[in-house]
Amino acid sequence: MKNELILSKKSKDFLGNLRVYLFSSGKKQDEIEEIVDELEIHLSEAERDGKSIEKIIGKSPKEYMEMVSNEMVIDYRTWFKYICIIIFGTFSFTIFPDLLEGNLSYSVLEIIGHIVIGTIFIASAFAGLKYSSTANQSFKKQGFILAGIAILPIVLFVGLIYLNRAIDTPTIHFGNMSSLIIGIITTLFIIGVSIWTKSWILVIIIALLTLPDYLLNLTTVQHETQLIISTIVTFGGIAIYLWISSKLKKNK
């Protein structure tokens, strides 16, 4: 029955925004789909009878979204899962490069910093998505918001690097076996997340962040040149991958 429903662009946009709003509010995915599917039927029937979308959701889409959200229970388990994935994911970006240099060792400040930054990123990402879904914004403005969310953790990590140099905290050193176990667990985590999300972007980004530096260190190229080449390969490779992925999605 769902395939036979005919909706206007306005209704489709609202349903898409509602789905994003409820997801960013921490609601259960199954319940979100049930509500969206039910509302889709009501909107289709209303438009078929010549009624406007406002007859169903009222004059304020934001108030309607808030009303629906308040009637749903927050899925704390899913929130905790996402937070853990993001936090562990941030560690994975540093674990592999560090493993190639030897055994792992991290200061207490680094460990706490990763956890805090991961939590901040999750909160800002959900807040940004929630705001974008309730405001009529141009594609350009939405792009600025998403770019800001993406840049925020990078800025925080750079700040953490300098803060770690300025403040001396106890360092936890991992031996050969501990470092190996952490490396294996991180590898399994990355593979698991990639299978779960049906995307290998995490694997590719980590490879592009790790392998160029490692391979260039095996050569006699000057250090300054290595940095330039590594940066071009890393960010160029990520850009090419995202461009190819975008093209493939459009062709489907």
Protein backbone atom coordinates (compact mmCIF):
# COMPACT_ATOMS: atom_id res chain seq x y z
CA MET A 1 0.00 0.00 0.00
CA LYS A 2 2.88 2.34 0.78
CA ASN A 3 4.16 2.19 -2.82
CA GLU A 4 0.76 3.42 -4.08
CA LEU A 5 0.76 6.57 -1.96
CA ILE A 6 1.11 9.86 -3.81
CA LEU A 7 2.47 12.83 -1.89
CA SER A 8 3.40 16.39 -2.73
CA LYS A 9 6.98 17.58 -2.33
CA LYS A 10 5.94 19.58 0.72
CA SER A 11 4.60 16.46 2.45
CA LYS A 12 7.65 14.40 1.50
CA ASP A 13 9.96 17.09 2.86
CA PHE A 14 8.00 17.24 6.11
CA LEU A 15 8.12 13.47 6.59
CA GLY A 16 11.85 13.49 5.95
CA ASN A 17 12.36 16.29 8.46
CA LEU A 18 10.15 14.54 11.00
CA ARG A 19 12.20 11.37 10.68
CA VAL A 20 15.43 13.33 11.23
CA TYR A 21 13.94 15.27 14.16
CA LEU A 22 12.76 12.14 15.97
CA PHE A 23 16.03 10.33 15.32
CA SER A 24 18.07 13.26 16.64
CA SER A 25 15.76 13.34 19.67
CA GLY A 26 16.85 9.82 20.57
CA LYS A 27 13.65 7.95 19.71
CA LYS A 28 13.48 4.28 18.74
CA GLN A 29 13.91 3.66 15.02
CA ASP A 30 11.03 1.18 14.79
CA GLU A 31 8.63 3.61 16.45
CA ILE A 32 9.83 6.42 14.18
CA GLU A 33 9.06 4.38 11.07
CA GLU A 34 5.63 3.40 12.39
CA ILE A 35 4.69 7.03 13.06
CA VAL A 36 6.06 8.26 9.72
CA ASP A 37 4.27 5.49 7.80
CA GLU A 38 0.97 6.24 9.54
CA LEU A 39 1.31 9.97 8.95
CA GLU A 40 2.22 9.35 5.33
CA ILE A 41 -1.12 7.61 4.84
CA HIS A 42 -3.03 10.48 6.48
CA LEU A 43 -1.24 13.09 4.36
CA SER A 44 -1.86 11.13 1.18
CA GLU A 45 -5.56 10.80 1.94
CA ALA A 46 -5.83 14.50 2.83
CA GLU A 47 -4.11 15.64 -0.37
CA ARG A 48 -6.26 13.27 -2.40
CA ASP A 49 -9.32 15.03 -0.93
CA GLY A 50 -7.89 18.43 -1.79
CA LYS A 51 -6.84 19.34 1.77
CA SER A 52 -3.58 21.08 2.61
CA ILE A 53 -0.85 19.59 4.80
CA GLU A 54 -1.72 22.15 7.50
CA LYS A 55 -5.05 20.36 8.05
CA ILE A 56 -3.10 17.41 9.46
CA ILE A 57 -0.05 18.92 11.15
CA GLY A 58 -1.26 22.46 11.88
CA LYS A 59 0.41 25.72 10.90
CA SER A 60 3.65 25.05 12.77
CA PRO A 61 5.58 21.92 11.67
CA LYS A 62 8.02 22.45 14.54
CA GLU A 63 5.25 22.36 17.16
CA TYR A 64 3.85 19.20 15.60
CA MET A 65 7.26 17.53 15.68
CA GLU A 66 7.72 18.54 19.31
CA MET A 67 4.28 17.17 20.20
CA VAL A 68 5.02 13.81 18.55
CA SER A 69 8.46 13.67 20.16
CA ASN A 70 7.08 14.39 23.64
CA GLU A 71 4.70 11.45 23.31
CA MET A 72 7.56 9.05 22.59
CA VAL A 73 10.04 7.47 25.00
CA ILE A 74 13.75 8.28 24.63
CA ASP A 75 15.82 5.27 23.61
CA TYR A 76 18.69 5.67 26.07
CA ARG A 77 20.24 2.35 25.00
CA THR A 78 20.62 3.56 21.41
CA TRP A 79 22.04 6.89 22.58
CA PHE A 80 24.60 5.06 24.71
CA LYS A 81 25.45 2.81 21.77
CA TYR A 82 26.10 5.74 19.46
CA ILE A 83 28.20 7.51 22.07
CA CYS A 84 30.34 4.40 22.60
CA ILE A 85 30.78 3.92 18.85
CA ILE A 86 31.85 7.54 18.32
CA ILE A 87 34.22 7.54 21.29
CA PHE A 88 35.84 4.26 20.30
CA GLY A 89 35.89 5.44 16.70
CA THR A 90 37.89 8.55 17.67
CA PHE A 91 40.43 6.33 19.42
CA SER A 92 40.76 4.14 16.31
CA PHE A 93 42.07 7.11 14.31
CA THR A 94 45.08 7.35 16.64
CA ILE A 95 45.56 3.71 17.63
CA PHE A 96 46.70 2.43 14.22
CA PRO A 97 49.26 5.18 13.52
CA ASP A 98 50.58 4.74 17.07
CA LEU A 99 50.81 0.96 16.65
CA LEU A 100 52.98 1.37 13.57
CA GLU A 101 55.40 3.42 15.68
CA GLY A 102 55.57 0.89 18.52
CA ASN A 103 53.67 0.06 21.71
CA LEU A 104 50.75 2.22 22.74
CA SER A 105 50.92 4.82 25.50
CA TYR A 106 48.40 7.52 26.35
CA SER A 107 48.20 10.13 29.06
CA VAL A 108 45.17 10.33 31.31
CA LEU A 109 44.40 13.71 29.75
CA GLU A 110 44.35 12.17 26.26
CA ILE A 111 41.97 9.40 27.29
CA ILE A 112 39.58 11.78 29.08
CA GLY A 113 39.87 14.25 26.19
CA HIS A 114 38.84 11.63 23.62
CA ILE A 115 35.79 10.70 25.69
CA VAL A 116 34.76 14.33 26.18
CA ILE A 117 35.29 15.26 22.51
CA GLY A 118 33.35 12.21 21.34
CA THR A 119 30.45 13.13 23.60
CA ILE A 120 30.52 16.76 22.45
CA PHE A 121 30.50 15.65 18.81
CA ILE A 122 27.46 13.41 19.35
CA ALA A 123 25.59 16.20 21.17
CA SER A 124 26.44 18.81 18.52
CA ALA A 125 25.58 16.47 15.63
CA PHE A 126 22.17 15.61 17.08
CA ALA A 127 21.49 19.25 17.96
CA GLY A 128 22.49 20.37 14.45
CA LEU A 129 20.28 17.77 12.78
CA LYS A 130 17.39 18.64 15.06
CA TYR A 131 17.71 22.35 14.29
CA SER A 132 18.05 21.81 10.53
CA SER A 133 14.92 19.64 10.43
CA THR A 134 12.72 22.36 11.97
CA ALA A 135 14.01 25.43 10.14
CA ASN A 136 13.44 26.34 6.51
CA GLN A 137 17.05 26.79 5.44
CA SER A 138 18.81 26.94 2.13
CA PHE A 139 21.04 24.09 1.04
CA LYS A 140 24.03 26.41 1.48
CA LYS A 141 23.15 27.22 5.10
CA GLN A 142 22.61 23.55 5.92
CA GLY A 143 26.02 22.86 4.41
CA PHE A 144 27.62 25.44 6.72
CA ILE A 145 25.96 23.85 9.75
CA LEU A 146 27.13 20.34 8.82
CA ALA A 147 30.61 21.63 8.01
CA GLY A 148 30.77 23.32 11.40
CA ILE A 149 29.78 20.08 13.12
CA ALA A 150 32.47 18.19 11.17
CA ILE A 151 35.18 20.77 11.89
CA LEU A 152 34.40 21.07 15.61
CA PRO A 153 36.01 17.76 16.70
CA ILE A 154 39.09 18.50 14.55
CA VAL A 155 39.57 21.83 16.32
CA LEU A 156 39.05 20.18 19.71
CA PHE A 157 41.57 17.43 18.94
CA VAL A 158 44.16 20.01 17.89
CA GLY A 159 43.51 21.84 21.14
CA LEU A 160 43.87 18.56 23.04
CA ILE A 161 47.28 17.96 21.47
CA TYR A 162 48.59 21.33 22.66
CA LEU A 163 46.89 20.97 26.05
CA ASN A 164 48.49 17.56 26.53
CA ARG A 165 51.90 19.11 25.87
CA ALA A 166 51.27 21.92 28.36
CA ILE A 167 49.77 19.85 31.17
CA ASP A 168 51.64 16.87 32.56
CA THR A 169 49.36 13.98 33.57
CA PRO A 170 50.16 10.30 34.34
CA THR A 171 50.78 8.18 31.26
CA ILE A 172 49.49 4.64 30.80
CA HIS A 173 51.97 2.43 28.92
CA PHE A 174 50.80 -0.72 27.16
CA GLY A 175 53.16 -3.63 26.56
CA ASN A 176 53.55 -5.71 23.40
CA MET A 177 50.68 -8.10 24.20
CA SER A 178 48.32 -5.36 25.42
CA SER A 179 49.00 -3.23 22.35
CA LEU A 180 48.40 -6.23 20.08
CA ILE A 181 45.11 -7.05 21.80
CA ILE A 182 43.95 -3.42 21.53
CA GLY A 183 44.90 -3.43 17.84
CA ILE A 184 42.90 -6.62 17.20
CA ILE A 185 39.86 -5.33 19.11
CA THR A 186 40.01 -2.03 17.20
CA THR A 187 40.24 -3.88 13.88
CA LEU A 188 37.21 -6.02 14.73
CA PHE A 189 35.33 -2.90 15.84
CA ILE A 190 36.02 -1.09 12.57
CA ILE A 191 34.99 -4.11 10.49
CA GLY A 192 31.85 -4.54 12.59
CA VAL A 193 30.83 -0.89 12.25
CA SER A 194 31.50 -1.00 8.50
CA ILE A 195 29.27 -4.06 8.09
CA TRP A 196 26.58 -2.53 10.31
CA THR A 197 26.54 0.78 8.43
CA LYS A 198 27.08 -0.95 5.05
CA SER A 199 29.88 1.50 4.31
CA TRP A 200 33.67 1.14 4.22
CA ILE A 201 34.34 4.84 4.66
CA LEU A 202 35.79 4.30 8.16
CA VAL A 203 38.25 1.70 6.86
CA ILE A 204 39.28 3.89 3.93
CA ILE A 205 39.74 7.03 6.05
CA ILE A 206 41.87 5.18 8.62
CA ALA A 207 43.94 3.61 5.84
CA LEU A 208 44.48 7.01 4.20
CA LEU A 209 45.44 8.54 7.54
CA THR A 210 47.85 5.74 8.41
CA LEU A 211 49.46 4.17 5.34
CA PRO A 212 50.84 7.26 3.53
CA ASP A 213 52.90 8.34 6.57
CA TYR A 214 54.07 4.79 7.24
CA LEU A 215 55.11 4.10 3.64
CA LEU A 216 56.79 7.48 3.20
CA ASN A 217 58.82 6.91 6.38
CA LEU A 218 60.35 3.88 4.66
CA THR A 219 61.74 6.11 1.92
CA THR A 220 64.59 8.62 1.89
CA VAL A 221 62.30 11.53 1.02
CA GLN A 222 62.85 14.62 3.18
CA HIS A 223 60.51 15.05 6.14
CA GLU A 224 58.95 18.29 4.84
CA THR A 225 58.24 16.65 1.48
CA GLN A 226 56.76 13.64 3.25
CA LEU A 227 54.30 15.88 5.08
CA ILE A 228 53.20 17.55 1.84
CA ILE A 229 52.79 14.27 -0.05
CA SER A 230 51.04 12.60 2.88
CA THR A 231 48.56 15.47 3.24
CA ILE A 232 47.77 15.50 -0.49
CA VAL A 233 47.29 11.71 -0.63
CA THR A 234 45.18 11.60 2.54
CA PHE A 235 42.75 14.44 1.86
CA GLY A 236 42.80 13.88 -1.89
CA GLY A 237 41.97 10.21 -1.38
CA ILE A 238 39.11 11.01 1.00
CA ALA A 239 37.72 13.60 -1.43
CA ILE A 240 37.90 11.14 -4.35
CA TYR A 241 36.18 8.42 -2.32
CA LEU A 242 33.35 10.75 -1.29
CA TRP A 243 32.98 11.95 -4.90
CA ILE A 244 32.80 8.38 -6.22
CA SER A 245 30.31 7.38 -3.51
CA SER A 246 28.12 10.38 -4.38
CA LYS A 247 28.16 9.47 -8.08
CA LEU A 248 27.29 5.84 -7.36
CA LYS A 249 24.33 6.85 -5.16
CA LYS A 250 22.99 9.19 -7.85
CA ASN A 251 23.21 6.44 -10.48
CA LYS A 252 21.16 3.99 -8.37
